Amino acid sequence: MDQTHDTRQPAFTPDSPHAPPPPPVPPVYTRRDLPLKSAPFTVILSVLMPGLGYVYLGYFRQAVTTVMIFASLITALASGAADGIEPLFGIFLAFFYFYQLVDAGRRATIFNQALEAGYTGGVPADFTLPDAGGMLFGGMVLLTIGVVALLNTVLDVDLEWLKDWWPVGLIVAGGWLVVRSRRDKSPHRA
């Protein structure tokens, strides 16, 4: 009697508690899902107003972060709070301005490459297309600005308190970005 032992691997079954999960499949986007973006137009928007190129591309979190950094540097330089380190802030402001121009143009180019390649090849591993989280953050910022402006124009609420309390907005936005970033990188994310 000939006994043979089957050495083939069993097929993957998702119900098996010890089987490893399948690797994540990157999303596949097509040009029908998202329109191509113009890199030169993105750079022109970024020249006109830092962060505006990111808004055009749909990277609202990056746009808000850019505006907050840019506005904070200008505020520190204009208020005299830098107390002797103005040249350092000035150099960083110039660097940051040109960095956001180059980065917005680069993102537009890679954005188009991702759409042309179906987001499966030819793009850097750390590149992601805009997601709903960025839209949520951008929407929250716009709602906050709109409510504050409405309070001032319609209900005649004095905005003098903003002069002392504007850094709280930076703290809240920065904290939210840190928490979201840590949650996105968490290995236990569902």
Protein backbone atom coordinates (compact mmCIF):
# COMPACT_ATOMS: atom_id res chain seq x y z
CA MET A 1 0.00 0.00 0.00
CA ASP A 2 1.48 3.32 -1.10
CA GLN A 3 0.96 6.17 1.35
CA THR A 4 1.64 9.68 0.14
CA HIS A 5 1.66 12.80 2.21
CA ASP A 6 0.17 15.97 0.75
CA THR A 7 2.73 18.79 1.22
CA ARG A 8 0.85 21.51 -0.62
CA GLN A 9 -0.02 24.67 1.30
CA PRO A 10 -3.71 25.00 2.08
CA ALA A 11 -5.51 27.81 0.31
CA PHE A 12 -5.94 31.04 2.25
CA THR A 13 -9.24 31.22 4.05
CA PRO A 14 -10.17 34.48 5.73
CA ASP A 15 -12.03 32.57 8.45
CA SER A 16 -8.85 30.89 9.69
CA PRO A 17 -7.74 32.61 12.94
CA HIS A 18 -4.04 31.84 12.36
CA ALA A 19 -3.77 32.74 8.69
CA PRO A 20 -1.99 36.00 7.94
CA PRO A 21 -4.13 38.71 6.40
CA PRO A 22 -3.59 39.36 2.71
CA PRO A 23 -1.38 42.35 1.89
CA PRO A 24 -3.23 45.64 1.39
CA VAL A 25 -4.01 46.45 -2.20
CA PRO A 26 -3.24 50.06 -3.17
CA PRO A 27 -6.24 51.92 -4.54
CA VAL A 28 -6.47 52.19 -8.29
CA TYR A 29 -7.62 55.55 -9.57
CA THR A 30 -8.30 56.39 -13.17
CA ARG A 31 -8.55 59.66 -15.01
CA ARG A 32 -12.31 59.31 -14.87
CA ASP A 33 -12.22 59.33 -11.05
CA LEU A 34 -10.04 62.43 -10.65
CA PRO A 35 -9.09 65.04 -13.27
CA LEU A 36 -5.47 65.76 -14.13
CA LYS A 37 -3.98 68.90 -12.57
CA SER A 38 -1.79 71.52 -14.23
CA ALA A 39 1.64 71.76 -12.54
CA PRO A 40 2.38 75.27 -13.91
CA PHE A 41 -1.02 76.53 -12.72
CA THR A 42 -0.38 74.96 -9.31
CA VAL A 43 2.94 76.82 -9.04
CA ILE A 44 1.33 80.11 -10.16
CA LEU A 45 -1.34 79.76 -7.48
CA SER A 46 1.38 79.05 -4.91
CA VAL A 47 3.26 82.19 -6.01
CA LEU A 48 0.14 84.31 -5.60
CA MET A 49 -0.69 82.94 -2.15
CA PRO A 50 1.28 80.28 -0.25
CA GLY A 51 -0.89 77.19 0.15
CA LEU A 52 -3.30 77.98 -2.68
CA GLY A 53 -1.64 75.45 -4.98
CA TYR A 54 -2.30 72.74 -2.37
CA VAL A 55 -5.97 73.78 -2.25
CA TYR A 56 -6.18 73.41 -6.05
CA LEU A 57 -4.73 69.89 -5.76
CA GLY A 58 -7.05 68.94 -2.89
CA TYR A 59 -4.41 68.77 -0.14
CA PHE A 60 -6.32 70.90 2.34
CA ARG A 61 -4.34 69.84 5.41
CA GLN A 62 -1.09 70.77 3.70
CA ALA A 63 -2.62 74.09 2.60
CA VAL A 64 -3.74 75.01 6.11
CA THR A 65 -0.38 73.98 7.58
CA THR A 66 1.42 76.10 4.97
CA VAL A 67 -0.73 79.14 5.67
CA MET A 68 -0.30 78.76 9.44
CA ILE A 69 3.49 78.49 9.19
CA PHE A 70 3.72 81.37 6.72
CA ALA A 71 1.41 83.62 8.76
CA SER A 72 3.21 82.75 12.01
CA LEU A 73 6.59 83.68 10.52
CA ILE A 74 5.28 87.00 9.18
CA THR A 75 3.59 87.73 12.52
CA ALA A 76 6.80 87.00 14.43
CA LEU A 77 8.78 89.26 12.10
CA ALA A 78 6.22 92.10 12.13
CA SER A 79 5.52 92.08 15.86
CA GLY A 80 9.12 92.43 16.96
CA ALA A 81 8.75 89.30 19.08
CA ALA A 82 11.76 87.70 17.37
CA ASP A 83 14.05 89.95 19.47
CA GLY A 84 17.29 89.74 17.53
CA ILE A 85 16.73 86.59 15.49
CA GLU A 86 14.82 88.30 12.68
CA PRO A 87 17.45 87.28 10.09
CA LEU A 88 16.92 83.62 10.97
CA PHE A 89 13.14 83.97 10.65
CA GLY A 90 13.59 85.91 7.39
CA ILE A 91 15.80 83.21 5.88
CA PHE A 92 13.39 80.49 6.99
CA LEU A 93 10.46 82.47 5.55
CA ALA A 94 12.21 82.71 2.16
CA PHE A 95 13.16 79.02 2.26
CA PHE A 96 9.63 77.99 3.20
CA TYR A 97 8.11 80.15 0.45
CA PHE A 98 10.23 78.53 -2.26
CA TYR A 99 9.85 75.07 -0.72
CA GLN A 100 6.05 75.22 -0.95
CA LEU A 101 6.32 76.34 -4.62
CA VAL A 102 8.52 73.38 -5.52
CA ASP A 103 6.51 70.91 -3.41
CA ALA A 104 3.16 71.99 -4.90
CA GLY A 105 4.52 71.63 -8.44
CA ARG A 106 6.06 68.24 -7.55
CA ARG A 107 2.80 67.02 -6.05
CA ALA A 108 0.88 68.09 -9.16
CA THR A 109 3.29 66.17 -11.38
CA ILE A 110 3.18 63.03 -9.22
CA PHE A 111 -0.61 63.38 -8.89
CA ASN A 112 -0.89 63.19 -12.69
CA GLN A 113 1.58 60.28 -12.87
CA ALA A 114 -0.47 58.41 -10.27
CA LEU A 115 -3.64 58.87 -12.30
CA GLU A 116 -1.97 57.87 -15.56
CA ALA A 117 -0.39 54.76 -13.99
CA GLY A 118 -3.50 53.80 -12.04
CA TYR A 119 -1.68 54.63 -8.77
CA THR A 120 0.07 51.27 -8.92
CA GLY A 121 3.42 52.17 -10.39
CA GLY A 122 5.78 55.00 -11.11
CA VAL A 123 5.01 57.03 -7.98
CA PRO A 124 6.96 57.35 -4.71
CA ALA A 125 5.92 54.96 -1.96
CA ASP A 126 5.12 57.81 0.46
CA PHE A 127 2.84 59.62 -2.01
CA THR A 128 -0.89 59.57 -1.39
CA LEU A 129 -3.69 61.18 -3.31
CA PRO A 130 -5.90 63.61 -1.39
CA ASP A 131 -8.38 61.94 0.92
CA ALA A 132 -11.58 62.87 2.69
CA GLY A 133 -9.64 63.59 5.91
CA GLY A 134 -8.00 66.57 4.24
CA MET A 135 -11.37 67.76 3.06
CA LEU A 136 -12.76 67.36 6.57
CA PHE A 137 -9.92 69.42 8.03
CA GLY A 138 -10.24 72.10 5.35
CA GLY A 139 -13.98 72.21 5.92
CA MET A 140 -13.54 72.59 9.68
CA VAL A 141 -11.12 75.48 9.18
CA LEU A 142 -13.44 77.23 6.71
CA LEU A 143 -16.41 76.75 9.05
CA THR A 144 -14.46 78.23 11.97
CA ILE A 145 -13.32 81.24 9.96
CA GLY A 146 -16.85 81.74 8.63
CA VAL A 147 -18.45 81.61 12.09
CA VAL A 148 -15.92 84.10 13.51
CA ALA A 149 -16.41 86.45 10.54
CA LEU A 150 -20.19 86.17 10.83
CA LEU A 151 -20.05 86.96 14.53
CA ASN A 152 -18.11 90.10 13.70
CA THR A 153 -20.16 91.32 10.74
CA VAL A 154 -23.71 90.36 11.71
CA LEU A 155 -23.69 90.31 15.50
CA ASP A 156 -21.01 93.01 15.86
CA VAL A 157 -18.87 90.86 18.19
CA ASP A 158 -15.52 92.54 18.78
CA LEU A 159 -12.59 90.51 17.44
CA GLU A 160 -10.00 92.18 19.66
CA TRP A 161 -9.60 88.88 21.55
CA LEU A 162 -8.09 87.32 18.40
CA LYS A 163 -4.98 89.44 18.88
CA ASP A 164 -4.14 87.56 22.09
CA TRP A 165 -5.71 84.17 21.43
CA TRP A 166 -4.81 83.36 17.79
CA PRO A 167 -2.05 80.89 18.85
CA VAL A 168 -4.74 78.64 20.35
CA GLY A 169 -5.93 77.92 16.81
CA LEU A 170 -2.41 76.85 15.84
CA ILE A 171 -2.18 74.60 18.90
CA VAL A 172 -5.53 72.93 18.19
CA ALA A 173 -4.80 72.47 14.47
CA GLY A 174 -1.28 71.20 15.14
CA GLY A 175 -2.53 68.77 17.78
CA TRP A 176 -5.19 67.45 15.45
CA LEU A 177 -2.60 66.91 12.68
CA VAL A 178 -0.25 65.08 15.09
CA VAL A 179 -3.02 62.81 16.39
CA ARG A 180 -4.25 62.06 12.87
CA SER A 181 -0.72 61.35 11.66
CA ARG A 182 -0.07 58.95 14.54
CA ARG A 183 -3.42 57.25 13.97
CA ASP A 184 -2.70 56.87 10.23
CA LYS A 185 0.70 55.27 10.97
CA SER A 186 -0.62 52.96 13.69
CA PRO A 187 -0.14 49.26 12.82
CA HIS A 188 -3.42 48.39 14.56
CA ARG A 189 -5.50 50.62 12.32
CA ALA A 190 -8.60 48.84 11.05
